[in-house]
Protein backbone atom coordinates (compact mmCIF):
# COMPACT_ATOMS: atom_id res chain seq x y z
CA MET A 1 -23.28 -2.45 57.29
CA GLY A 2 -20.14 -0.14 57.21
CA ASN A 3 -19.19 0.64 53.68
CA LEU A 4 -22.21 -1.35 52.43
CA ARG A 5 -25.51 0.54 52.28
CA VAL A 6 -28.84 -0.61 51.00
CA THR A 7 -30.89 2.02 49.23
CA LYS A 8 -34.13 2.23 47.24
CA LYS A 9 -31.92 2.00 43.98
CA GLY A 10 -29.89 -0.89 45.12
CA ILE A 11 -26.77 -1.39 47.13
CA ARG A 12 -24.16 1.28 47.55
CA LEU A 13 -20.53 0.63 48.50
CA GLU A 14 -18.19 3.26 49.87
CA GLY A 15 -14.35 3.21 49.35
CA ILE A 16 -12.58 -0.12 48.21
CA SER A 17 -14.42 -3.38 48.12
CA GLU A 18 -13.14 -6.93 47.70
CA PHE A 19 -15.11 -9.75 46.53
CA LEU A 20 -13.99 -13.21 47.03
CA LEU A 21 -16.67 -15.04 45.39
CA PRO A 22 -18.50 -14.20 42.08
CA LEU A 23 -20.68 -11.09 41.97
CA TYR A 24 -23.87 -11.12 39.90
CA VAL A 25 -25.39 -7.59 39.37
CA LYS A 26 -27.54 -6.14 36.51
CA GLU A 27 -25.55 -2.70 36.47
CA ILE A 28 -22.41 -1.20 38.10
CA HIS A 29 -21.55 2.44 38.00
CA SER A 30 -19.73 4.93 40.07
CA ARG A 31 -20.73 8.36 41.36
CA LYS A 32 -20.92 11.03 38.85
CA ASP A 33 -17.76 12.87 40.02
CA SER A 34 -15.61 9.64 40.42
CA PRO A 35 -14.38 6.92 38.07
CA LEU A 36 -15.10 3.29 38.19
CA VAL A 37 -11.98 1.19 38.94
CA LEU A 38 -11.88 -2.61 38.55
CA GLN A 39 -8.58 -3.81 39.86
CA SER A 40 -7.04 -7.37 40.22
CA ASP A 41 -3.55 -8.91 40.96
CA ARG A 42 -3.59 -10.93 37.71
CA ASN A 43 -6.27 -9.80 35.30
CA VAL A 44 -9.78 -8.43 34.95
CA THR A 45 -12.23 -10.51 32.93
CA VAL A 46 -15.64 -9.46 31.89
CA ASN A 47 -17.97 -12.18 30.47
CA ALA A 48 -21.28 -12.01 28.88
CA ARG A 49 -23.48 -15.21 28.74
CA ASN A 50 -26.81 -15.92 27.12
CA HIS A 51 -29.85 -17.31 28.91
CA MET A 52 -28.51 -20.95 28.76
CA GLY A 53 -25.29 -19.75 30.42
CA GLN A 54 -23.15 -20.13 27.42
CA LEU A 55 -20.29 -17.74 27.00
CA THR A 56 -20.98 -15.17 24.22
CA GLY A 57 -18.35 -12.60 24.68
CA GLN A 58 -15.24 -12.12 26.79
CA LEU A 59 -13.13 -9.00 27.50
CA THR A 60 -9.80 -9.85 29.44
CA VAL A 61 -7.41 -7.11 30.62
CA GLY A 62 -4.04 -8.76 31.52
CA ALA A 63 -0.52 -7.64 32.16
CA ASP A 64 0.62 -8.48 28.73
CA ALA A 65 -2.32 -7.85 26.50
CA VAL A 66 -5.89 -6.87 26.25
CA GLU A 67 -7.93 -9.56 24.38
CA ALA A 68 -11.64 -9.54 23.25
CA GLN A 69 -13.34 -12.75 22.14
CA CYS A 70 -16.70 -12.22 20.53
CA LYS A 71 -18.54 -12.79 17.23
CA ARG A 72 -17.94 -9.10 16.22
CA PHE A 73 -15.75 -6.31 17.77
CA GLU A 74 -16.71 -2.58 17.11
CA VAL A 75 -15.20 0.66 18.00
CA ARG A 76 -17.75 3.49 17.61
CA ALA A 77 -17.41 7.34 17.71
CA SER A 78 -18.46 8.96 20.98
CA ASP A 79 -20.75 11.67 19.40
CA SER A 80 -22.34 10.29 16.28
CA GLY A 81 -22.24 6.35 17.01
CA ARG A 82 -20.46 6.00 13.62
CA VAL A 83 -18.44 2.63 13.46
CA LEU A 84 -14.79 3.49 13.28
CA PHE A 85 -13.38 0.05 13.54
CA SER A 86 -15.01 -3.34 13.19
CA ALA A 87 -13.61 -6.96 13.11
CA ASP A 88 -15.08 -10.52 12.58
CA GLU A 89 -14.02 -13.67 11.10
CA ASP A 90 -14.63 -12.53 7.48
CA GLU A 91 -13.29 -8.97 7.45
CA ILE A 92 -11.82 -5.91 9.11
CA VAL A 93 -13.52 -2.62 8.35
CA ILE A 94 -11.96 0.83 9.18
CA GLY A 95 -14.79 3.44 8.90
CA ALA A 96 -12.61 6.49 9.81
CA ASP A 97 -12.12 9.22 7.36
CA ARG A 98 -8.41 8.65 7.06
CA LEU A 99 -6.07 5.71 7.96
CA LYS A 100 -2.55 6.97 9.01
CA VAL A 101 0.40 4.95 9.37
CA THR A 102 3.26 6.52 11.26
CA GLY A 103 5.67 3.69 11.44
CA THR A 104 9.09 4.12 9.84
CA GLU A 105 8.63 0.78 7.94
CA GLY A 106 5.27 1.72 6.67
CA ALA A 107 2.53 -0.76 6.27
CA VAL A 108 3.12 -4.53 5.32
CA PHE A 109 0.52 -6.53 3.65
CA GLY A 110 0.77 -10.25 3.26
CA HIS A 111 -1.67 -10.47 0.60
CA SER A 112 -3.75 -8.33 -1.86
CA VAL A 113 -5.08 -4.85 -1.13
CA GLU A 114 -8.09 -3.35 -2.67
CA THR A 115 -8.39 0.41 -2.40
CA PRO A 116 -9.56 3.25 -4.64
CA HIS A 117 -7.04 5.81 -3.62
CA ILE A 118 -3.40 5.78 -2.13
CA ARG A 119 -1.72 8.99 -1.32
CA ALA A 120 0.99 10.30 0.67
CA GLU A 121 0.90 13.24 3.19
CA PRO A 122 1.45 16.76 1.75
CA SER A 123 5.13 17.48 0.92
CA GLN A 124 5.92 13.81 1.41
CA ASP A 125 6.88 10.95 -1.03
CA LEU A 126 4.75 8.00 -1.80
CA LYS A 127 6.64 4.76 -2.17
CA LEU A 128 5.13 1.42 -3.12
CA GLU A 129 7.78 -1.37 -2.66
CA SER A 130 8.09 -5.18 -2.87
CA PRO A 131 11.81 -5.82 -1.77
CA THR A 132 11.99 -9.38 -2.81
CA ARG A 133 9.04 -10.09 -5.16
CA SER A 134 7.04 -8.46 -7.70
CA LEU A 135 4.49 -5.51 -7.23
CA VAL A 136 1.27 -5.73 -9.27
CA MET A 137 -1.40 -2.85 -9.65
CA GLU A 138 -4.51 -4.05 -11.46
CA ALA A 139 -7.89 -2.26 -12.28
CA PRO A 140 -10.46 -3.35 -14.93
CA ARG A 141 -10.90 0.30 -16.20
CA GLY A 142 -7.41 1.45 -16.06
CA VAL A 143 -4.47 2.52 -13.65
CA GLN A 144 -3.68 6.09 -13.56
CA VAL A 145 -0.42 7.30 -12.12
CA ASN A 146 -0.18 11.20 -11.98
CA ALA A 147 2.64 13.48 -10.52
CA ALA A 148 0.91 16.85 -10.75
CA ALA A 149 3.99 18.99 -9.52
CA GLY A 150 6.92 16.80 -9.88
CA ASP A 151 8.78 13.99 -11.70
CA LEU A 152 7.57 10.35 -12.32
CA LYS A 153 10.35 7.88 -12.33
CA ALA A 154 10.34 4.06 -13.10
CA THR A 155 13.63 2.18 -12.63
CA CYS A 156 14.40 -1.38 -12.66
CA ARG A 157 17.47 -3.70 -12.68
CA LYS A 158 16.72 -5.78 -15.70
CA GLU A 159 14.05 -4.97 -18.19
CA LEU A 160 11.06 -2.44 -18.30
CA HIS A 161 8.22 -3.66 -20.23
CA LEU A 162 5.32 -1.46 -21.79
CA GLN A 163 2.88 -3.60 -23.45
CA SER A 164 -0.65 -3.00 -24.92
CA THR A 165 -2.56 -5.98 -26.07
CA GLU A 166 -5.27 -4.18 -28.03
CA GLY A 167 -4.29 -0.50 -28.17
CA GLU A 168 -1.22 1.51 -28.51
CA ILE A 169 1.47 3.12 -26.51
CA PHE A 170 1.21 6.95 -26.66
CA LEU A 171 3.96 9.22 -25.47
CA ASN A 172 3.04 12.97 -25.43
CA ALA A 173 5.67 15.41 -24.51
CA ASP A 174 7.64 18.42 -25.75
CA THR A 175 10.84 16.48 -25.69
CA ILE A 176 11.24 12.40 -25.63
CA ARG A 177 14.80 11.47 -24.72
CA LEU A 178 16.02 7.87 -25.20
CA GLY A 179 19.42 7.69 -23.48
CA ASN A 180 22.27 5.28 -23.86
CA LEU A 181 20.92 3.65 -27.23
CA PRO A 182 23.46 1.62 -29.08
CA VAL A 183 24.82 2.83 -32.40
CA GLY A 184 24.40 0.34 -35.22
CA SER A 185 26.47 0.06 -38.38
CA PHE A 186 25.36 -0.17 -41.90
CA SER A 187 27.21 -1.02 -45.23
CA SER A 188 26.75 0.43 -48.71
CA SER A 189 28.45 -0.10 -52.00
CA SER A 190 29.69 3.44 -52.05
CA SER A 191 31.14 3.43 -48.65
CA SER A 192 32.72 -0.04 -49.11
CA SER A 193 34.48 0.88 -52.43
CA SER A 194 36.17 4.13 -51.04
CA SER A 195 38.68 4.34 -48.28
CA PRO A 196 37.62 6.34 -45.16
CA SER A 197 39.10 9.88 -45.02
CA SER A 198 40.62 11.40 -41.88
CA SER A 199 39.04 14.57 -42.69
CA ALA A 200 35.59 13.35 -42.70
CA PRO A 201 33.17 15.43 -40.64
CA ARG A 202 32.08 13.97 -37.20
CA GLN A 203 28.71 12.20 -37.31
CA THR A 204 26.20 14.30 -35.41
CA ILE A 205 22.82 13.20 -36.86
CA TYR A 206 21.42 9.79 -36.43
CA GLU A 207 18.49 7.73 -37.55
CA LEU A 208 16.33 5.87 -34.90
CA CYS A 209 15.84 2.44 -36.06
CA ALA A 210 14.13 -0.77 -34.71
CA CYS A 211 14.86 -4.25 -34.96
CA PRO A 212 12.32 -6.97 -35.74
CA ASN A 213 12.18 -7.78 -32.12
CA GLY A 214 11.37 -4.22 -31.12
CA LYS A 215 14.87 -3.25 -30.03
CA LEU A 216 15.83 0.40 -30.70
CA TYR A 217 19.10 1.59 -31.95
CA LEU A 218 20.83 4.44 -33.70
CA SER A 219 22.19 4.50 -37.28
CA PRO A 220 24.26 7.17 -38.71
CA ALA A 221 21.98 9.26 -40.94
CA GLY A 222 22.32 9.40 -44.79
CA ALA A 223 20.44 10.59 -47.83
CA GLY A 224 18.11 7.77 -47.38
CA SER A 225 17.29 5.38 -44.71
CA THR A 226 20.19 3.61 -43.24
CA CYS A 227 18.38 1.12 -41.02
CA GLN A 228 19.43 -2.37 -41.77
CA SER A 229 17.47 -5.52 -40.27
CA SER A 230 21.04 -7.13 -40.75
CA SER A 231 22.80 -4.46 -38.43
CA ASN A 232 25.07 -5.89 -35.81
CA ILE A 233 22.72 -4.61 -32.94
CA CYS A 234 19.79 -6.72 -34.37
CA LEU A 235 22.03 -9.82 -34.97
CA TRP A 236 23.15 -9.82 -31.33
CA SER A 237 19.89 -8.74 -29.72
């Protein structure tokens, strides 16, 4: 039969073979030293059907895309058989030890993300950003942000709120700096009765005060507390 031979194990084809009608076989494999090539001018489609002839799975290799249609799609490791990637209608599972995103724009998520750990590559910065909306991090037992060998910065355009509904806000550091605090003014009977002197020493010591709404400001230090709830800072805050 030329390139077609009938052997004890089945039918053996040598060289390139063309089939004009459907081919029904149980198994197709190449020689041990040669690859198996399936070629078509348009696309290559592999269908799987049940005993009733219904389509249960389909793999199509086309010029523009590779499409798989099935109830569950899995990618397994060649050595251990561990599932590296799986997808169905309910969820997508990535079973690899590490998920690496190398694109310059990073990863974009349209909805929420649940993960126990997010970290950057060694010697690289980690940036979580929401360009036009808000960024929310939630955890029932706490959220920890740690910079073991560098600075931790939080910047915003408008207001930065630190709120604890049941506990307290604890700042523990050798030095706590609050920059650009407004300087309030206070009046006393002694200062109002005497005219200011041009030779008065320059004020270098201030008292940290808080308005009833929580706004902080500085007040020139005196013998006693100079914080006044009627300060001009509190009146316009």
